Amino acid sequence: MLVPSIFGESLFDDFMDFPFEREFFRRTPAYGKTEKNIMKTDVKETDNAYELDIDLPGYKKDEVTAKLENGYLTISATKGANNDEQNKEGKYIRRERYTGTMSRSFYVGEDVQQEDIHAKFEDGILKLTVPKEDPKKVEEKKYISIEG
């Protein structure tokens, strides 16, 4: 079973807007107002696998990593500040483009191995194919007949 890890996202943000909370308890999302659009993922189930398409616009292949650990597949993307731009004449008054690391995790099961996962990065989209974990067979209870 493929389950996204969604810690840090609020379920109600998409449905309700509370002006009082917005004005008095301002949250400063890590990625500005576009926080909800980062690492948008489509998950498609086929007979034998799950296919994930993760949007990573503006990232290069070498800035993206995929790691499998304890049944969790974690996708990370790192965007560093371009120090060459800082050395040119002039100084920035405002910088809005994101620099830093973001990640998202999916539970794929304990039996999935790293070599079973296929990954391809093309046109800002990371495409992953994760095999389905074989369903655990429930052991049938065997009763011993008692004479008497």
C-alpha atoms as a PDB file:
ATOM      1  CA  MET A   1       0.000   0.000   0.000  1.00  0.00           C
ATOM      2  CA  LEU A   2       1.397   3.396  -0.956  1.00  0.00           C
ATOM      3  CA  VAL A   3       0.613   6.082   1.600  1.00  0.00           C
ATOM      4  CA  PRO A   4       1.884   9.686   1.414  1.00  0.00           C
ATOM      5  CA  SER A   5       3.349  11.216   4.520  1.00  0.00           C
ATOM      6  CA  ILE A   6       1.575  14.558   4.867  1.00  0.00           C
ATOM      7  CA  PHE A   7       2.854  15.860   8.183  1.00  0.00           C
ATOM      8  CA  GLY A   8       2.976  19.634   8.213  1.00  0.00           C
ATOM      9  CA  GLU A   9       0.061  20.197   5.847  1.00  0.00           C
ATOM     10  CA  SER A  10      -3.313  21.360   7.119  1.00  0.00           C
ATOM     11  CA  LEU A  11      -6.329  19.443   5.876  1.00  0.00           C
ATOM     12  CA  PHE A  12      -8.617  22.454   6.319  1.00  0.00           C
ATOM     13  CA  ASP A  13      -6.500  24.978   4.388  1.00  0.00           C
ATOM     14  CA  ASP A  14      -8.117  23.992   1.113  1.00  0.00           C
ATOM     15  CA  PHE A  15     -11.655  24.243   2.468  1.00  0.00           C
ATOM     16  CA  MET A  16     -11.712  27.128   4.904  1.00  0.00           C
ATOM     17  CA  ASP A  17     -10.155  30.543   5.163  1.00  0.00           C
ATOM     18  CA  PHE A  18     -10.183  32.161   8.587  1.00  0.00           C
ATOM     19  CA  PRO A  19      -9.488  35.928   8.312  1.00  0.00           C
ATOM     20  CA  PHE A  20      -9.034  36.281  12.078  1.00  0.00           C
ATOM     21  CA  GLU A  21      -6.394  33.582  12.154  1.00  0.00           C
ATOM     22  CA  ARG A  22      -4.753  34.953   9.028  1.00  0.00           C
ATOM     23  CA  GLU A  23      -4.395  38.427  10.556  1.00  0.00           C
ATOM     24  CA  PHE A  24      -3.420  37.569  14.115  1.00  0.00           C
ATOM     25  CA  PHE A  25      -1.653  34.225  13.890  1.00  0.00           C
ATOM     26  CA  ARG A  26       0.274  34.676  10.697  1.00  0.00           C
ATOM     27  CA  ARG A  27       2.186  31.652   9.660  1.00  0.00           C
ATOM     28  CA  THR A  28       5.184  32.130   7.472  1.00  0.00           C
ATOM     29  CA  PRO A  29       5.212  29.115   5.194  1.00  0.00           C
ATOM     30  CA  ALA A  30       8.646  27.863   4.257  1.00  0.00           C
ATOM     31  CA  TYR A  31       7.991  28.452   0.571  1.00  0.00           C
ATOM     32  CA  GLY A  32       5.797  31.557   0.637  1.00  0.00           C
ATOM     33  CA  LYS A  33       2.295  31.405  -0.797  1.00  0.00           C
ATOM     34  CA  THR A  34       3.302  28.648  -3.227  1.00  0.00           C
ATOM     35  CA  GLU A  35       3.938  26.141  -0.431  1.00  0.00           C
ATOM     36  CA  LYS A  36       0.984  23.974  -1.450  1.00  0.00           C
ATOM     37  CA  ASN A  37       2.261  23.691  -5.025  1.00  0.00           C
ATOM     38  CA  ILE A  38       5.646  22.210  -4.190  1.00  0.00           C
ATOM     39  CA  MET A  39       6.193  18.531  -5.026  1.00  0.00           C
ATOM     40  CA  LYS A  40       2.674  17.975  -6.304  1.00  0.00           C
ATOM     41  CA  THR A  41       2.343  14.254  -6.923  1.00  0.00           C
ATOM     42  CA  ASP A  42       0.065  12.098  -9.042  1.00  0.00           C
ATOM     43  CA  VAL A  43      -0.143   8.449  -7.953  1.00  0.00           C
ATOM     44  CA  LYS A  44      -1.510   5.869 -10.386  1.00  0.00           C
ATOM     45  CA  GLU A  45      -2.184   2.269  -9.402  1.00  0.00           C
ATOM     46  CA  THR A  46      -1.633  -0.474 -11.978  1.00  0.00           C
ATOM     47  CA  ASP A  47      -1.976  -4.232 -11.571  1.00  0.00           C
ATOM     48  CA  ASN A  48       1.617  -4.711 -10.410  1.00  0.00           C
ATOM     49  CA  ALA A  49       2.902  -1.300  -9.355  1.00  0.00           C
ATOM     50  CA  TYR A  50       2.308   2.292  -8.353  1.00  0.00           C
ATOM     51  CA  GLU A  51       3.419   5.023 -10.742  1.00  0.00           C
ATOM     52  CA  LEU A  52       4.289   8.403  -9.233  1.00  0.00           C
ATOM     53  CA  ASP A  53       4.730  11.625 -11.188  1.00  0.00           C
ATOM     54  CA  ILE A  54       6.252  14.329  -8.977  1.00  0.00           C
ATOM     55  CA  ASP A  55       6.449  17.923 -10.236  1.00  0.00           C
ATOM     56  CA  LEU A  56       9.872  19.471  -9.656  1.00  0.00           C
ATOM     57  CA  PRO A  57       9.945  22.437 -12.054  1.00  0.00           C
ATOM     58  CA  GLY A  58      13.259  24.253 -12.275  1.00  0.00           C
ATOM     59  CA  TYR A  59      15.255  21.424 -10.717  1.00  0.00           C
ATOM     60  CA  LYS A  60      18.027  19.474 -12.422  1.00  0.00           C
ATOM     61  CA  LYS A  61      18.543  15.725 -12.118  1.00  0.00           C
ATOM     62  CA  ASP A  62      21.589  16.156  -9.857  1.00  0.00           C
ATOM     63  CA  GLU A  63      19.536  18.270  -7.407  1.00  0.00           C
ATOM     64  CA  VAL A  64      17.030  15.449  -6.789  1.00  0.00           C
ATOM     65  CA  THR A  65      17.549  12.314  -4.666  1.00  0.00           C
ATOM     66  CA  ALA A  66      15.393   9.297  -3.878  1.00  0.00           C
ATOM     67  CA  LYS A  67      16.110   7.188  -0.800  1.00  0.00           C
ATOM     68  CA  LEU A  68      14.452   4.019   0.500  1.00  0.00           C
ATOM     69  CA  GLU A  69      14.724   3.414   4.226  1.00  0.00           C
ATOM     70  CA  ASN A  70      12.588   1.376   6.642  1.00  0.00           C
ATOM     71  CA  GLY A  71       9.783   1.049   4.102  1.00  0.00           C
ATOM     72  CA  TYR A  72       9.661   4.797   3.340  1.00  0.00           C
ATOM     73  CA  LEU A  73      10.579   6.223  -0.046  1.00  0.00           C
ATOM     74  CA  THR A  74      11.809   9.790   0.498  1.00  0.00           C
ATOM     75  CA  ILE A  75      12.220  12.201  -2.395  1.00  0.00           C
ATOM     76  CA  SER A  76      14.402  15.246  -1.685  1.00  0.00           C
ATOM     77  CA  ALA A  77      15.251  18.227  -3.851  1.00  0.00           C
ATOM     78  CA  THR A  78      17.899  20.829  -3.023  1.00  0.00           C
ATOM     79  CA  LYS A  79      18.223  24.211  -4.666  1.00  0.00           C
ATOM     80  CA  GLY A  80      21.298  26.216  -3.656  1.00  0.00           C
ATOM     81  CA  ALA A  81      21.831  29.951  -3.926  1.00  0.00           C
ATOM     82  CA  ASN A  82      23.932  30.838  -6.935  1.00  0.00           C
ATOM     83  CA  ASN A  83      27.033  32.473  -5.447  1.00  0.00           C
ATOM     84  CA  ASP A  84      28.193  33.618  -8.893  1.00  0.00           C
ATOM     85  CA  GLU A  85      25.207  35.957  -9.067  1.00  0.00           C
ATOM     86  CA  GLN A  86      26.141  37.472  -5.702  1.00  0.00           C
ATOM     87  CA  ASN A  87      29.632  38.352  -6.918  1.00  0.00           C
ATOM     88  CA  LYS A  88      28.369  40.370  -9.893  1.00  0.00           C
ATOM     89  CA  GLU A  89      27.863  44.114  -9.632  1.00  0.00           C
ATOM     90  CA  GLY A  90      24.796  45.230  -7.766  1.00  0.00           C
ATOM     91  CA  LYS A  91      22.933  43.767  -4.845  1.00  0.00           C
ATOM     92  CA  TYR A  92      19.577  42.109  -4.488  1.00  0.00           C
ATOM     93  CA  ILE A  93      16.787  44.149  -2.993  1.00  0.00           C
ATOM     94  CA  ARG A  94      14.441  41.169  -2.845  1.00  0.00           C
ATOM     95  CA  ARG A  95      14.885  37.452  -3.515  1.00  0.00           C
ATOM     96  CA  GLU A  96      11.738  35.360  -3.832  1.00  0.00           C
ATOM     97  CA  ARG A  97      13.017  32.265  -5.555  1.00  0.00           C
ATOM     98  CA  TYR A  98      13.328  29.331  -3.202  1.00  0.00           C
ATOM     99  CA  THR A  99      16.701  28.039  -2.076  1.00  0.00           C
ATOM    100  CA  GLY A 100      17.004  25.167   0.339  1.00  0.00           C
ATOM    101  CA  THR A 101      15.825  21.576   0.648  1.00  0.00           C
ATOM    102  CA  MET A 102      12.366  20.094   0.458  1.00  0.00           C
ATOM    103  CA  SER A 103      11.294  16.485   0.751  1.00  0.00           C
ATOM    104  CA  ARG A 104       8.290  14.239   0.700  1.00  0.00           C
ATOM    105  CA  SER A 105       7.948  10.652   1.938  1.00  0.00           C
ATOM    106  CA  PHE A 106       5.724   7.754   0.923  1.00  0.00           C
ATOM    107  CA  TYR A 107       5.296   4.482   2.779  1.00  0.00           C
ATOM    108  CA  VAL A 108       5.884   1.734   0.210  1.00  0.00           C
ATOM    109  CA  GLY A 109       6.227  -1.293   2.486  1.00  0.00           C
ATOM    110  CA  GLU A 110       9.038  -3.144   4.201  1.00  0.00           C
ATOM    111  CA  ASP A 111       9.474  -5.750   1.445  1.00  0.00           C
ATOM    112  CA  VAL A 112      10.166  -3.312  -1.420  1.00  0.00           C
ATOM    113  CA  GLN A 113      13.865  -3.262  -2.340  1.00  0.00           C
ATOM    114  CA  GLN A 114      15.830  -0.345  -3.773  1.00  0.00           C
ATOM    115  CA  GLU A 115      16.649  -2.233  -6.983  1.00  0.00           C
ATOM    116  CA  ASP A 116      12.919  -2.820  -7.610  1.00  0.00           C
ATOM    117  CA  ILE A 117      12.152   0.913  -7.888  1.00  0.00           C
ATOM    118  CA  HIS A 118      12.618   2.558 -11.284  1.00  0.00           C
ATOM    119  CA  ALA A 119      13.177   6.337 -11.470  1.00  0.00           C
ATOM    120  CA  LYS A 120      13.390   8.721 -14.431  1.00  0.00           C
ATOM    121  CA  PHE A 121      13.707  12.531 -14.401  1.00  0.00           C
ATOM    122  CA  GLU A 122      12.514  14.358 -17.496  1.00  0.00           C
ATOM    123  CA  ASP A 123      11.170  17.876 -18.166  1.00  0.00           C
ATOM    124  CA  GLY A 124      10.964  18.743 -14.458  1.00  0.00           C
ATOM    125  CA  ILE A 125       8.956  15.624 -13.601  1.00  0.00           C
ATOM    126  CA  LEU A 126      10.323  12.743 -11.548  1.00  0.00           C
ATOM    127  CA  LYS A 127       8.646   9.509 -12.648  1.00  0.00           C
ATOM    128  CA  LEU A 128       8.872   6.590 -10.240  1.00  0.00           C
ATOM    129  CA  THR A 129       7.587   3.049 -10.582  1.00  0.00           C
ATOM    130  CA  VAL A 130       7.245   1.226  -7.272  1.00  0.00           C
ATOM    131  CA  PRO A 131       6.215  -2.450  -7.312  1.00  0.00           C
ATOM    132  CA  LYS A 132       3.267  -3.408  -5.181  1.00  0.00           C
ATOM    133  CA  GLU A 133       4.093  -5.267  -2.035  1.00  0.00           C
ATOM    134  CA  ASP A 134       2.789  -8.827  -2.136  1.00  0.00           C
ATOM    135  CA  PRO A 135      -0.197  -9.098   0.173  1.00  0.00           C
ATOM    136  CA  LYS A 136       0.656 -10.877   3.364  1.00  0.00           C
ATOM    137  CA  LYS A 137      -0.983 -14.245   3.515  1.00  0.00           C
ATOM    138  CA  VAL A 138      -3.022 -14.775   6.619  1.00  0.00           C
ATOM    139  CA  GLU A 139      -2.048 -18.045   8.147  1.00  0.00           C
ATOM    140  CA  GLU A 140      -4.994 -20.354   8.348  1.00  0.00           C
ATOM    141  CA  LYS A 141      -5.608 -21.603  11.862  1.00  0.00           C
ATOM    142  CA  LYS A 142      -5.281 -25.335  12.130  1.00  0.00           C
ATOM    143  CA  TYR A 143      -7.121 -26.962  14.956  1.00  0.00           C
ATOM    144  CA  ILE A 144      -6.110 -30.202  16.547  1.00  0.00           C
ATOM    145  CA  SER A 145      -8.984 -32.530  17.242  1.00  0.00           C
ATOM    146  CA  ILE A 146      -9.345 -33.546  20.839  1.00  0.00           C
ATOM    147  CA  GLU A 147     -10.755 -36.967  21.567  1.00  0.00           C
ATOM    148  CA  GLY A 148     -12.768 -37.744  24.565  1.00  0.00           C
END
